[in-house]
Amino acid sequence: MHKFITFTCIAIILVLFSCTSQKQITYLQDASVNGAENFNIDTITSYKIKKQDVLYIKLVTSNSEINNILNPNASSPGMYQGESNLFINGFVVDENGYIELPLIGKVHIENCTLDNARDNIREKALVYLKDPTIYVKILSYKYTVLGEVKRPGMYKNFNNRLNVLEAISSAGDISDFGNRKKIVVIRLTENGSKTFRLDLTKKEILTSDAYYLKPNDIVYVEPLKSKSFKLNIPIASLMLTSISTLILILNFVK
């Protein structure tokens, strides 16, 4: 009987240690509850266009014939669906940082924000066109979410801004084994890869340079240290159950 009580206590301890506390699954735990807090994010959200980026660019004038020349594929269904169509119909920034537009010619936009690129295109377009309206968007905005999320993989973003919480949400949120305090964002820069470490339980992530993702960023969610322990609980429980059953049988036989 003494052995049975011992094994029962061990089983209870295993169950208690396998439980996940609320602090392990709550985001932004130190954010203000009673009052609003302002964070200046304008300085960290401007993406600068790089070589080999694929852009959607549309120029619109009051002349429909000129519009057809400037945007020959604008009415084609599915022109921006699929990787191949994005590459064929989008405008790729060449190795010298230029894009080439119909009628207008080459425009340098490398290291420009989307607003700056729009201004550069408008300045060049005004030489040939009267009061053009110009749209510029990034088509090659892809990001990857790996690690302890429910649907790891590569995703596409069709907004100008995407934060790390939205990226994790698109991957089905962090799994039961994910560590919300240890998120790694890997970013490719001109000087090589740069890593950022984020703690999603702290409000400081809102001011991090990695809070808003950039194209081709990788988000990795590290596992909890207790993951291997939790994964082995069913086996340990089965072994304890088998041993306790055997002890009961032996005691009954005696």
Protein backbone atom coordinates (compact mmCIF):
# COMPACT_ATOMS: atom_id res chain seq x y z
CA MET A 1 0.00 0.00 0.00
CA HIS A 2 2.88 2.31 0.79
CA LYS A 3 4.28 1.82 -2.71
CA PHE A 4 0.88 2.49 -4.22
CA ILE A 5 0.61 5.80 -2.37
CA THR A 6 4.10 6.74 -3.51
CA PHE A 7 3.32 6.09 -7.18
CA THR A 8 0.02 7.99 -6.84
CA CYS A 9 1.87 11.02 -5.47
CA ILE A 10 4.34 10.84 -8.35
CA ALA A 11 1.48 10.75 -10.85
CA ILE A 12 -0.12 13.82 -9.25
CA ILE A 13 3.19 15.69 -9.39
CA LEU A 14 3.56 14.83 -13.07
CA VAL A 15 0.12 16.22 -13.81
CA LEU A 16 0.80 19.43 -11.89
CA PHE A 17 4.10 20.03 -13.68
CA SER A 18 2.49 19.39 -17.04
CA CYS A 19 -0.04 22.20 -16.56
CA THR A 20 0.54 25.46 -18.42
CA SER A 21 0.07 28.60 -16.32
CA GLN A 22 -1.91 31.60 -17.53
CA LYS A 23 1.26 33.71 -17.56
CA GLN A 24 2.73 31.43 -20.19
CA ILE A 25 -0.12 32.02 -22.66
CA THR A 26 -1.05 35.69 -22.11
CA TYR A 27 0.21 38.38 -24.48
CA LEU A 28 1.23 41.92 -23.41
CA GLN A 29 0.76 41.17 -19.73
CA ASP A 30 2.12 44.52 -18.53
CA ALA A 31 0.01 46.67 -20.85
CA SER A 32 -2.10 49.30 -19.13
CA VAL A 33 -5.64 48.20 -18.29
CA ASN A 34 -7.16 51.45 -17.07
CA GLY A 35 -5.56 53.96 -19.42
CA ALA A 36 -4.43 54.30 -23.01
CA GLU A 37 -0.74 54.20 -23.88
CA ASN A 38 0.70 55.80 -26.99
CA PHE A 39 3.63 54.34 -28.92
CA ASN A 40 5.39 56.14 -31.74
CA ILE A 41 5.61 53.62 -34.57
CA ASP A 42 6.04 55.92 -37.58
CA THR A 43 9.81 55.69 -37.43
CA ILE A 44 9.88 51.88 -37.71
CA THR A 45 7.26 51.07 -40.32
CA SER A 46 8.74 52.49 -43.53
CA TYR A 47 10.07 49.71 -45.74
CA LYS A 48 12.73 50.68 -48.26
CA ILE A 49 12.57 49.06 -51.66
CA LYS A 50 15.38 46.65 -52.50
CA LYS A 51 16.77 45.04 -55.64
CA GLN A 52 14.65 42.19 -57.01
CA ASP A 53 11.52 43.44 -55.25
CA VAL A 54 8.40 42.97 -57.37
CA LEU A 55 6.03 45.95 -57.42
CA TYR A 56 2.52 46.68 -58.59
CA ILE A 57 2.59 50.03 -60.38
CA LYS A 58 -0.37 51.64 -62.09
CA LEU A 59 -0.54 55.04 -63.76
CA VAL A 60 -3.92 56.57 -64.49
CA THR A 61 -4.66 59.67 -66.60
CA SER A 62 -7.81 61.23 -68.01
CA ASN A 63 -7.00 59.68 -71.41
CA SER A 64 -8.20 56.08 -71.65
CA GLU A 65 -6.02 55.28 -74.68
CA ILE A 66 -2.90 56.37 -72.83
CA ASN A 67 -4.03 54.35 -69.82
CA ASN A 68 -4.17 51.22 -72.00
CA ILE A 69 -0.60 51.86 -73.14
CA LEU A 70 0.64 52.52 -69.62
CA ASN A 71 -1.18 49.51 -68.15
CA PRO A 72 -1.53 46.95 -70.96
CA ASN A 73 -2.47 44.03 -68.68
CA ALA A 74 -4.70 45.91 -66.27
CA SER A 75 -7.89 44.20 -67.46
CA SER A 76 -6.44 40.68 -67.60
CA PRO A 77 -8.11 38.38 -65.05
CA GLY A 78 -5.74 36.72 -62.62
CA MET A 79 -2.75 38.79 -63.71
CA TYR A 80 -1.47 38.97 -60.14
CA GLN A 81 -2.41 35.46 -59.06
CA GLY A 82 0.34 32.91 -58.60
CA GLU A 83 4.09 33.35 -58.28
CA SER A 84 4.77 33.28 -62.01
CA ASN A 85 2.10 35.90 -62.81
CA LEU A 86 3.42 38.18 -60.10
CA PHE A 87 6.86 38.05 -61.67
CA ILE A 88 5.62 38.46 -65.26
CA ASN A 89 3.12 41.27 -64.68
CA GLY A 90 4.82 43.07 -61.80
CA PHE A 91 7.75 45.46 -62.14
CA VAL A 92 11.03 44.01 -60.88
CA VAL A 93 13.66 46.32 -59.43
CA ASP A 94 16.82 45.56 -61.43
CA GLU A 95 20.39 45.21 -60.15
CA ASN A 96 20.96 48.94 -60.57
CA GLY A 97 17.87 49.85 -58.57
CA TYR A 98 15.67 50.88 -61.54
CA ILE A 99 12.28 49.89 -62.88
CA GLU A 100 11.28 50.51 -66.49
CA LEU A 101 7.78 51.80 -67.23
CA PRO A 102 5.97 52.08 -70.60
CA LEU A 103 6.42 55.53 -72.22
CA ILE A 104 8.18 56.91 -69.16
CA GLY A 105 11.32 54.81 -69.17
CA LYS A 106 13.61 54.00 -66.26
CA VAL A 107 13.04 55.35 -62.76
CA HIS A 108 15.40 54.80 -59.84
CA ILE A 109 13.53 53.62 -56.72
CA GLU A 110 15.99 51.49 -54.76
CA ASN A 111 16.15 52.47 -51.07
CA CYS A 112 12.95 54.49 -51.49
CA THR A 113 9.86 54.08 -49.35
CA LEU A 114 6.64 53.47 -51.26
CA ASP A 115 5.77 57.15 -50.92
CA ASN A 116 9.20 58.23 -52.17
CA ALA A 117 8.98 55.79 -55.09
CA ARG A 118 5.57 57.22 -56.00
CA ASP A 119 7.02 60.74 -55.95
CA ASN A 120 9.96 59.70 -58.16
CA ILE A 121 7.63 58.09 -60.69
CA ARG A 122 5.31 61.10 -60.68
CA GLU A 123 8.21 63.49 -61.26
CA LYS A 124 9.35 61.47 -64.28
CA ALA A 125 5.79 60.96 -65.54
CA LEU A 126 4.95 64.68 -65.49
CA VAL A 127 7.40 65.16 -68.34
CA TYR A 128 5.12 63.08 -70.58
CA LEU A 129 1.71 63.04 -68.88
CA LYS A 130 -0.71 65.56 -67.42
CA ASP A 131 -1.76 65.09 -63.78
CA PRO A 132 -1.22 61.31 -63.55
CA THR A 133 -2.45 59.31 -60.57
CA ILE A 134 0.08 56.72 -59.48
CA TYR A 135 -0.34 53.58 -57.37
CA VAL A 136 2.62 51.65 -55.96
CA LYS A 137 2.39 48.49 -53.87
CA ILE A 138 4.72 45.63 -52.97
CA LEU A 139 3.81 42.29 -54.53
CA SER A 140 6.75 40.28 -53.20
CA TYR A 141 5.88 40.70 -49.52
CA LYS A 142 6.40 37.17 -48.19
CA TYR A 143 7.20 36.06 -44.68
CA THR A 144 7.77 32.74 -42.93
CA VAL A 145 6.55 31.54 -39.55
CA LEU A 146 8.32 28.51 -38.06
CA GLY A 147 8.55 26.67 -34.78
CA GLU A 148 5.77 26.17 -32.26
CA VAL A 149 2.80 27.50 -34.23
CA LYS A 150 -0.20 25.54 -35.40
CA ARG A 151 0.36 26.09 -39.16
CA PRO A 152 4.04 26.79 -39.88
CA GLY A 153 4.86 27.87 -43.41
CA MET A 154 5.43 30.74 -45.82
CA TYR A 155 2.70 33.37 -46.17
CA LYS A 156 1.96 36.38 -48.36
CA ASN A 157 1.01 39.82 -47.15
CA PHE A 158 -1.06 42.22 -49.24
CA ASN A 159 -0.98 45.16 -46.82
CA ASN A 160 1.73 47.77 -46.49
CA ARG A 161 2.11 46.93 -42.81
CA LEU A 162 2.24 43.61 -40.98
CA ASN A 163 3.18 43.18 -37.34
CA VAL A 164 4.56 40.08 -35.66
CA LEU A 165 1.29 39.38 -33.82
CA GLU A 166 -0.63 39.37 -37.11
CA ALA A 167 1.98 37.07 -38.66
CA ILE A 168 1.69 34.58 -35.80
CA SER A 169 -2.09 34.82 -35.97
CA SER A 170 -2.04 33.93 -39.68
CA ALA A 171 -0.11 30.77 -38.74
CA GLY A 172 -2.87 29.70 -36.34
CA ASP A 173 -1.38 31.24 -33.17
CA ILE A 174 1.28 29.75 -30.91
CA SER A 175 0.79 26.10 -29.98
CA ASP A 176 0.53 24.74 -26.44
CA PHE A 177 4.27 24.06 -26.53
CA GLY A 178 5.29 27.53 -27.76
CA ASN A 179 7.22 29.99 -25.61
CA ARG A 180 5.68 33.45 -25.97
CA LYS A 181 8.69 34.94 -24.22
CA LYS A 182 11.16 33.70 -26.81
CA ILE A 183 10.34 34.78 -30.35
CA VAL A 184 13.13 35.25 -32.88
CA VAL A 185 12.76 37.43 -35.98
CA ILE A 186 15.42 36.85 -38.65
CA ARG A 187 15.87 39.68 -41.17
CA LEU A 188 18.13 39.79 -44.21
CA THR A 189 19.98 43.10 -44.48
CA GLU A 190 22.71 44.45 -46.74
CA ASN A 191 25.24 43.46 -44.08
CA GLY A 192 23.91 39.94 -43.63
CA SER A 193 21.24 38.37 -41.46
CA LYS A 194 20.12 40.21 -38.35
CA THR A 195 18.20 38.65 -35.48
CA PHE A 196 15.78 40.23 -33.02
CA ARG A 197 14.48 38.61 -29.85
CA LEU A 198 10.96 39.48 -28.74
CA ASP A 199 9.00 38.77 -25.57
CA LEU A 200 5.33 38.84 -26.54
CA THR A 201 4.29 39.08 -22.90
CA LYS A 202 5.88 42.56 -22.65
CA LYS A 203 4.51 45.77 -24.13
CA GLU A 204 8.05 46.80 -25.17
CA ILE A 205 7.62 44.76 -28.35
CA LEU A 206 5.44 47.60 -29.68
CA THR A 207 8.54 49.80 -29.97
CA SER A 208 10.88 47.11 -31.32
CA ASP A 209 12.33 47.41 -34.83
CA ALA A 210 11.05 43.88 -35.41
CA TYR A 211 7.46 44.49 -34.30
CA TYR A 212 6.54 45.46 -37.85
CA LEU A 213 7.84 42.81 -40.22
CA LYS A 214 9.54 43.42 -43.55
CA PRO A 215 9.41 41.29 -46.70
CA ASN A 216 11.20 37.95 -46.37
CA ASP A 217 11.39 38.10 -42.56
CA ILE A 218 11.37 34.78 -40.69
CA VAL A 219 9.53 34.46 -37.39
CA TYR A 220 10.60 31.53 -35.20
CA VAL A 221 8.71 30.56 -32.04
CA GLU A 222 10.91 28.64 -29.63
CA PRO A 223 9.46 25.68 -27.67
CA LEU A 224 8.96 25.68 -23.92
CA LYS A 225 11.67 23.88 -21.96
CA SER A 226 8.99 21.58 -20.61
CA LYS A 227 7.95 20.39 -24.09
CA SER A 228 9.91 17.12 -23.99
CA PHE A 229 8.64 16.49 -20.47
CA LYS A 230 5.03 17.07 -21.53
CA LEU A 231 5.42 14.86 -24.59
CA ASN A 232 6.64 12.00 -22.41
CA ILE A 233 3.85 12.33 -19.83
CA PRO A 234 1.53 9.79 -21.56
CA ILE A 235 4.32 7.19 -21.54
CA ALA A 236 5.18 7.94 -17.91
CA SER A 237 1.52 7.80 -16.95
CA LEU A 238 1.11 4.45 -18.69
CA MET A 239 4.17 3.07 -16.92
CA LEU A 240 2.94 4.31 -13.52
CA THR A 241 -0.52 2.88 -14.17
CA SER A 242 0.98 -0.46 -15.14
CA ILE A 243 3.25 -0.54 -12.09
CA SER A 244 0.45 0.45 -9.69
CA THR A 245 -1.81 -2.18 -11.21
CA LEU A 246 0.90 -4.80 -10.82
CA ILE A 247 1.38 -3.79 -7.16
CA LEU A 248 -2.35 -4.11 -6.50
CA ILE A 249 -2.40 -7.56 -8.10
CA LEU A 250 0.60 -8.71 -6.06
CA ASN A 251 -0.95 -7.39 -2.84
CA PHE A 252 -4.22 -9.12 -3.71
CA VAL A 253 -2.42 -12.41 -4.38
CA LYS A 254 -0.61 -12.15 -1.09
